[in-house]
Amino acid sequence: MKQNLGASALLAAMVDLVLVAAFVLIGRASHSEGLLGTLVTLWPFLAGLAIGWIGARAWRTPFSLRWTGLTIWAATVIVGMLLRGVSAQGVQLGFVIVTTVVLAIFLLGWRGIAQLVLRRGARRA
């Protein structure tokens, strides 16, 4: 059971990481910006993601939409924006809104889909 939970947590962490990175890459590409600054743009959100994972103890229930997903999403957005602000990267209102919506779709959306799939699998078993 613990090995299965560990594998699930690792998978969930990787999905979150890939989706946050995809958000940054899509944003930079939409503004015709090069890849050089990707890490500069990415690190505040990765820090927020890590804080969200720790705060939610996400390794315990990595697919939970309510507690884990909401905590990770909120921390990723809030900490990411705070760190962008203190590192002089800019936190324009439009960017905050887009970030909040896109990361909600990404970080909450995949968990909602995963829960539906897991429920269907449990019903068939």
N, C-alpha and C. Protein backbone atom coordinates (compact mmCIF):
# COMPACT_ATOMS: atom_id res chain seq x y z
N MET A 1 0.83 -1.19 0.00
CA MET A 1 0.00 0.00 0.00
C MET A 1 0.87 1.25 0.00
N LYS A 2 1.90 1.28 0.87
CA LYS A 2 2.76 2.45 0.93
C LYS A 2 3.50 2.67 -0.38
N GLN A 3 3.93 1.57 -1.01
CA GLN A 3 4.63 1.70 -2.29
C GLN A 3 3.69 2.27 -3.34
N ASN A 4 2.44 1.82 -3.35
CA ASN A 4 1.44 2.33 -4.29
C ASN A 4 1.17 3.81 -4.03
N LEU A 5 1.05 4.21 -2.76
CA LEU A 5 0.83 5.60 -2.41
C LEU A 5 2.03 6.45 -2.82
N GLY A 6 3.24 5.92 -2.63
CA GLY A 6 4.44 6.64 -3.05
C GLY A 6 4.49 6.85 -4.54
N ALA A 7 4.12 5.83 -5.29
CA ALA A 7 4.09 5.94 -6.75
C ALA A 7 3.02 6.93 -7.18
N SER A 8 1.87 6.91 -6.51
CA SER A 8 0.80 7.86 -6.84
C SER A 8 1.23 9.29 -6.55
N ALA A 9 1.90 9.49 -5.42
CA ALA A 9 2.37 10.83 -5.07
C ALA A 9 3.42 11.32 -6.07
N LEU A 10 4.31 10.44 -6.47
CA LEU A 10 5.33 10.82 -7.45
C LEU A 10 4.68 11.18 -8.78
N LEU A 11 3.72 10.38 -9.21
CA LEU A 11 3.01 10.67 -10.45
C LEU A 11 2.29 12.02 -10.36
N ALA A 12 1.60 12.26 -9.26
CA ALA A 12 0.87 13.52 -9.08
C ALA A 12 1.83 14.71 -9.07
N ALA A 13 2.95 14.56 -8.40
CA ALA A 13 3.94 15.64 -8.36
C ALA A 13 4.48 15.94 -9.75
N MET A 14 4.73 14.89 -10.51
CA MET A 14 5.23 15.08 -11.88
C MET A 14 4.19 15.75 -12.77
N VAL A 15 2.93 15.36 -12.63
CA VAL A 15 1.87 15.99 -13.42
C VAL A 15 1.78 17.48 -13.06
N ASP A 16 1.79 17.79 -11.77
CA ASP A 16 1.75 19.19 -11.34
C ASP A 16 2.93 19.97 -11.91
N LEU A 17 4.11 19.40 -11.80
CA LEU A 17 5.33 20.06 -12.30
C LEU A 17 5.24 20.32 -13.80
N VAL A 18 4.83 19.32 -14.55
CA VAL A 18 4.72 19.47 -16.00
C VAL A 18 3.67 20.53 -16.36
N LEU A 19 2.56 20.55 -15.65
CA LEU A 19 1.51 21.52 -15.97
C LEU A 19 1.91 22.95 -15.62
N VAL A 20 2.61 23.14 -14.51
CA VAL A 20 3.09 24.49 -14.17
C VAL A 20 4.13 24.93 -15.19
N ALA A 21 5.02 24.03 -15.57
CA ALA A 21 6.02 24.36 -16.60
C ALA A 21 5.34 24.66 -17.94
N ALA A 22 4.31 23.90 -18.28
CA ALA A 22 3.57 24.15 -19.52
C ALA A 22 2.92 25.52 -19.50
N PHE A 23 2.35 25.90 -18.36
CA PHE A 23 1.76 27.23 -18.22
C PHE A 23 2.78 28.32 -18.52
N VAL A 24 3.96 28.19 -17.94
CA VAL A 24 5.01 29.19 -18.16
C VAL A 24 5.46 29.19 -19.61
N LEU A 25 5.68 28.02 -20.18
CA LEU A 25 6.14 27.94 -21.57
C LEU A 25 5.10 28.50 -22.55
N ILE A 26 3.84 28.20 -22.32
CA ILE A 26 2.78 28.73 -23.18
C ILE A 26 2.73 30.25 -23.07
N GLY A 27 2.83 30.75 -21.85
CA GLY A 27 2.80 32.19 -21.65
C GLY A 27 3.96 32.90 -22.33
N ARG A 28 5.13 32.34 -22.19
CA ARG A 28 6.31 32.96 -22.81
C ARG A 28 6.20 32.89 -24.33
N ALA A 29 5.72 31.79 -24.86
CA ALA A 29 5.58 31.66 -26.31
C ALA A 29 4.52 32.61 -26.86
N SER A 30 3.44 32.83 -26.10
CA SER A 30 2.37 33.72 -26.58
C SER A 30 2.83 35.17 -26.65
N HIS A 31 3.89 35.49 -25.95
CA HIS A 31 4.45 36.84 -25.99
C HIS A 31 5.72 36.88 -26.84
N SER A 32 5.95 35.83 -27.59
CA SER A 32 7.13 35.72 -28.47
C SER A 32 8.43 35.95 -27.70
N GLU A 33 8.49 35.41 -26.51
CA GLU A 33 9.69 35.53 -25.70
C GLU A 33 10.49 34.24 -25.82
N GLY A 34 11.78 34.34 -25.74
CA GLY A 34 12.65 33.19 -25.86
C GLY A 34 12.63 32.30 -24.64
N LEU A 35 13.28 31.17 -24.77
CA LEU A 35 13.33 30.20 -23.68
C LEU A 35 14.33 30.58 -22.59
N LEU A 36 15.20 31.53 -22.88
CA LEU A 36 16.25 31.89 -21.93
C LEU A 36 15.69 32.30 -20.57
N GLY A 37 14.63 33.08 -20.57
CA GLY A 37 14.06 33.56 -19.32
C GLY A 37 13.04 32.63 -18.69
N THR A 38 12.89 31.45 -19.25
CA THR A 38 11.88 30.52 -18.74
C THR A 38 12.11 30.18 -17.27
N LEU A 39 13.34 29.92 -16.90
CA LEU A 39 13.63 29.58 -15.50
C LEU A 39 13.35 30.75 -14.57
N VAL A 40 13.62 31.96 -15.05
CA VAL A 40 13.34 33.15 -14.25
C VAL A 40 11.84 33.27 -14.00
N THR A 41 11.06 32.97 -15.01
CA THR A 41 9.61 33.02 -14.88
C THR A 41 9.08 31.84 -14.08
N LEU A 42 9.71 30.69 -14.22
CA LEU A 42 9.21 29.45 -13.63
C LEU A 42 9.45 29.33 -12.13
N TRP A 43 10.61 29.77 -11.65
CA TRP A 43 10.98 29.46 -10.26
C TRP A 43 9.99 29.94 -9.21
N PRO A 44 9.36 31.12 -9.34
CA PRO A 44 8.41 31.49 -8.28
C PRO A 44 7.22 30.54 -8.18
N PHE A 45 6.78 30.04 -9.32
CA PHE A 45 5.64 29.13 -9.32
C PHE A 45 6.04 27.74 -8.82
N LEU A 46 7.25 27.33 -9.12
CA LEU A 46 7.73 26.04 -8.59
C LEU A 46 7.88 26.12 -7.08
N ALA A 47 8.34 27.25 -6.57
CA ALA A 47 8.43 27.43 -5.12
C ALA A 47 7.04 27.37 -4.50
N GLY A 48 6.08 28.04 -5.12
CA GLY A 48 4.70 27.98 -4.63
C GLY A 48 4.12 26.58 -4.69
N LEU A 49 4.43 25.86 -5.76
CA LEU A 49 3.99 24.48 -5.90
C LEU A 49 4.55 23.62 -4.77
N ALA A 50 5.83 23.77 -4.50
CA ALA A 50 6.47 23.00 -3.42
C ALA A 50 5.86 23.33 -2.07
N ILE A 51 5.63 24.61 -1.81
CA ILE A 51 5.02 25.01 -0.55
C ILE A 51 3.60 24.45 -0.45
N GLY A 52 2.87 24.46 -1.55
CA GLY A 52 1.53 23.88 -1.56
C GLY A 52 1.55 22.39 -1.26
N TRP A 53 2.50 21.68 -1.86
CA TRP A 53 2.62 20.25 -1.60
C TRP A 53 2.92 19.98 -0.13
N ILE A 54 3.82 20.75 0.43
CA ILE A 54 4.17 20.56 1.85
C ILE A 54 2.99 20.94 2.74
N GLY A 55 2.38 22.09 2.46
CA GLY A 55 1.25 22.55 3.28
C GLY A 55 0.07 21.60 3.25
N ALA A 56 -0.19 21.02 2.10
CA ALA A 56 -1.32 20.09 1.96
C ALA A 56 -0.97 18.67 2.37
N ARG A 57 0.32 18.43 2.60
CA ARG A 57 0.79 17.05 2.81
C ARG A 57 0.26 16.18 1.67
N ALA A 58 0.50 16.68 0.49
CA ALA A 58 -0.11 16.11 -0.71
C ALA A 58 0.28 14.66 -0.97
N TRP A 59 1.38 14.22 -0.44
CA TRP A 59 1.80 12.83 -0.64
C TRP A 59 0.82 11.87 0.02
N ARG A 60 0.00 12.35 0.97
CA ARG A 60 -0.97 11.48 1.63
C ARG A 60 -2.21 11.23 0.76
N THR A 61 -2.69 12.27 0.10
CA THR A 61 -3.86 12.17 -0.77
C THR A 61 -3.60 12.99 -2.04
N PRO A 62 -2.70 12.51 -2.88
CA PRO A 62 -2.26 13.32 -4.02
C PRO A 62 -3.34 13.62 -5.06
N PHE A 63 -4.39 12.81 -5.12
CA PHE A 63 -5.44 13.03 -6.12
C PHE A 63 -6.65 13.77 -5.57
N SER A 64 -6.62 14.13 -4.30
CA SER A 64 -7.75 14.83 -3.68
C SER A 64 -7.94 16.20 -4.32
N LEU A 65 -9.14 16.45 -4.77
CA LEU A 65 -9.45 17.74 -5.40
C LEU A 65 -9.66 18.82 -4.34
N ARG A 66 -10.41 18.50 -3.32
CA ARG A 66 -10.79 19.53 -2.35
C ARG A 66 -9.62 20.03 -1.53
N TRP A 67 -9.01 19.21 -0.73
CA TRP A 67 -7.95 19.71 0.14
C TRP A 67 -6.64 19.85 -0.62
N THR A 68 -6.15 18.78 -1.18
CA THR A 68 -4.84 18.80 -1.84
C THR A 68 -4.84 19.74 -3.04
N GLY A 69 -5.76 19.56 -3.93
CA GLY A 69 -5.80 20.37 -5.15
C GLY A 69 -5.96 21.85 -4.86
N LEU A 70 -6.92 22.19 -4.01
CA LEU A 70 -7.15 23.60 -3.71
C LEU A 70 -5.97 24.24 -3.00
N THR A 71 -5.35 23.51 -2.08
CA THR A 71 -4.20 24.05 -1.37
C THR A 71 -3.02 24.27 -2.31
N ILE A 72 -2.75 23.28 -3.15
CA ILE A 72 -1.63 23.40 -4.10
C ILE A 72 -1.88 24.54 -5.08
N TRP A 73 -3.08 24.62 -5.59
CA TRP A 73 -3.42 25.69 -6.55
C TRP A 73 -3.25 27.07 -5.90
N ALA A 74 -3.85 27.25 -4.71
CA ALA A 74 -3.77 28.55 -4.04
C ALA A 74 -2.33 28.92 -3.72
N ALA A 75 -1.56 27.97 -3.20
CA ALA A 75 -0.17 28.26 -2.85
C ALA A 75 0.66 28.58 -4.09
N THR A 76 0.43 27.84 -5.16
CA THR A 76 1.18 28.08 -6.39
C THR A 76 0.93 29.49 -6.90
N VAL A 77 -0.32 29.91 -6.91
CA VAL A 77 -0.67 31.25 -7.39
C VAL A 77 -0.18 32.33 -6.42
N ILE A 78 -0.53 32.21 -5.14
CA ILE A 78 -0.22 33.26 -4.17
C ILE A 78 1.28 33.40 -3.96
N VAL A 79 1.95 32.31 -3.65
CA VAL A 79 3.40 32.37 -3.43
C VAL A 79 4.11 32.77 -4.72
N GLY A 80 3.67 32.22 -5.84
CA GLY A 80 4.27 32.58 -7.12
C GLY A 80 4.19 34.08 -7.38
N MET A 81 3.03 34.66 -7.13
CA MET A 81 2.86 36.10 -7.36
C MET A 81 3.66 36.92 -6.35
N LEU A 82 3.67 36.51 -5.10
CA LEU A 82 4.47 37.23 -4.10
C LEU A 82 5.95 37.21 -4.47
N LEU A 83 6.45 36.06 -4.87
CA LEU A 83 7.86 35.96 -5.25
C LEU A 83 8.16 36.74 -6.53
N ARG A 84 7.22 36.74 -7.46
CA ARG A 84 7.40 37.57 -8.66
C ARG A 84 7.48 39.04 -8.26
N GLY A 85 6.65 39.44 -7.32
CA GLY A 85 6.65 40.83 -6.88
C GLY A 85 7.95 41.24 -6.23
N VAL A 86 8.46 40.41 -5.32
CA VAL A 86 9.70 40.78 -4.63
C VAL A 86 10.93 40.62 -5.52
N SER A 87 10.81 39.89 -6.61
CA SER A 87 11.94 39.74 -7.53
C SER A 87 11.78 40.64 -8.76
N ALA A 88 10.89 41.62 -8.65
CA ALA A 88 10.68 42.64 -9.69
C ALA A 88 10.32 42.05 -11.06
N GLN A 89 9.53 40.97 -11.06
CA GLN A 89 9.10 40.37 -12.32
C GLN A 89 7.75 40.91 -12.78
N GLY A 90 7.05 41.57 -11.93
CA GLY A 90 5.77 42.14 -12.33
C GLY A 90 4.59 41.25 -12.00
N VAL A 91 3.54 41.88 -11.50
CA VAL A 91 2.32 41.16 -11.14
C VAL A 91 1.10 41.97 -11.59
N GLN A 92 1.05 42.28 -12.86
CA GLN A 92 -0.07 43.03 -13.41
C GLN A 92 -1.37 42.25 -13.21
N LEU A 93 -2.45 42.99 -13.00
CA LEU A 93 -3.74 42.37 -12.70
C LEU A 93 -4.14 41.35 -13.76
N GLY A 94 -3.97 41.68 -15.01
CA GLY A 94 -4.32 40.74 -16.08
C GLY A 94 -3.56 39.43 -15.97
N PHE A 95 -2.28 39.52 -15.63
CA PHE A 95 -1.46 38.32 -15.47
C PHE A 95 -1.92 37.50 -14.27
N VAL A 96 -2.28 38.19 -13.19
CA VAL A 96 -2.76 37.48 -12.00
C VAL A 96 -4.05 36.73 -12.33
N ILE A 97 -4.95 37.36 -13.06
CA ILE A 97 -6.22 36.71 -13.42
C ILE A 97 -5.98 35.50 -14.32
N VAL A 98 -5.18 35.69 -15.35
CA VAL A 98 -4.89 34.58 -16.27
C VAL A 98 -4.21 33.44 -15.53
N THR A 99 -3.24 33.76 -14.69
CA THR A 99 -2.53 32.75 -13.92
C THR A 99 -3.49 31.97 -13.03
N THR A 100 -4.35 32.68 -12.33
CA THR A 100 -5.30 32.05 -11.41
C THR A 100 -6.22 31.09 -12.16
N VAL A 101 -6.75 31.53 -13.29
CA VAL A 101 -7.69 30.71 -14.05
C VAL A 101 -6.99 29.51 -14.69
N VAL A 102 -5.88 29.76 -15.36
CA VAL A 102 -5.19 28.66 -16.06
C VAL A 102 -4.67 27.62 -15.08
N LEU A 103 -4.07 28.07 -13.98
CA LEU A 103 -3.56 27.09 -13.02
C LEU A 103 -4.71 26.35 -12.32
N ALA A 104 -5.86 26.98 -12.16
CA ALA A 104 -7.03 26.26 -11.62
C ALA A 104 -7.44 25.15 -12.58
N ILE A 105 -7.52 25.49 -13.86
CA ILE A 105 -7.89 24.48 -14.86
C ILE A 105 -6.87 23.35 -14.86
N PHE A 106 -5.59 23.70 -14.83
CA PHE A 106 -4.54 22.68 -14.89
C PHE A 106 -4.47 21.86 -13.60
N LEU A 107 -4.29 22.51 -12.45
CA LEU A 107 -4.01 21.79 -11.20
C LEU A 107 -5.25 21.15 -10.58
N LEU A 108 -6.41 21.76 -10.79
CA LEU A 108 -7.65 21.16 -10.28
C LEU A 108 -8.29 20.24 -11.31
N GLY A 109 -8.16 20.63 -12.57
CA GLY A 109 -8.80 19.86 -13.64
C GLY A 109 -8.32 18.43 -13.73
N TRP A 110 -7.02 18.23 -13.70
CA TRP A 110 -6.53 16.86 -13.84
C TRP A 110 -6.92 16.02 -12.64
N ARG A 111 -7.01 16.64 -11.46
CA ARG A 111 -7.42 15.88 -10.28
C ARG A 111 -8.90 15.49 -10.37
N GLY A 112 -9.72 16.38 -10.90
CA GLY A 112 -11.13 16.04 -11.11
C GLY A 112 -11.30 14.89 -12.08
N ILE A 113 -10.55 14.92 -13.16
CA ILE A 113 -10.58 13.83 -14.14
C ILE A 113 -10.09 12.54 -13.50
N ALA A 114 -9.00 12.62 -12.74
CA ALA A 114 -8.46 11.43 -12.08
C ALA A 114 -9.47 10.82 -11.12
N GLN A 115 -10.18 11.66 -10.38
CA GLN A 115 -11.18 11.13 -9.45
C GLN A 115 -12.31 10.42 -10.19
N LEU A 116 -12.74 10.98 -11.31
CA LEU A 116 -13.78 10.31 -12.10
C LEU A 116 -13.31 8.95 -12.60
N VAL A 117 -12.09 8.90 -13.09
CA VAL A 117 -11.53 7.64 -13.59
C VAL A 117 -11.39 6.63 -12.46
N LEU A 118 -10.89 7.07 -11.32
CA LEU A 118 -10.71 6.16 -10.18
C LEU A 118 -12.05 5.65 -9.66
N ARG A 119 -13.07 6.50 -9.64
CA ARG A 119 -14.40 6.06 -9.19
C ARG A 119 -14.99 5.02 -10.14
N ARG A 120 -14.83 5.25 -11.42
CA ARG A 120 -15.33 4.27 -12.40
C ARG A 120 -14.61 2.94 -12.25
N GLY A 121 -13.32 3.01 -12.04
CA GLY A 121 -12.54 1.78 -11.84
C GLY A 121 -12.97 1.04 -10.59
N ALA A 122 -13.28 1.78 -9.52
CA ALA A 122 -13.71 1.16 -8.27
C ALA A 122 -15.08 0.52 -8.42
N ARG A 123 -15.95 1.12 -9.21
CA ARG A 123 -17.29 0.54 -9.42
C ARG A 123 -17.22 -0.76 -10.20
N ARG A 124 -16.28 -0.84 -11.13
CA ARG A 124 -16.15 -2.04 -11.96
C ARG A 124 -15.46 -3.17 -11.22
N ALA A 125 -14.69 -2.83 -10.20
CA ALA A 125 -13.93 -3.86 -9.48
C ALA A 125 -14.78 -4.64 -8.51
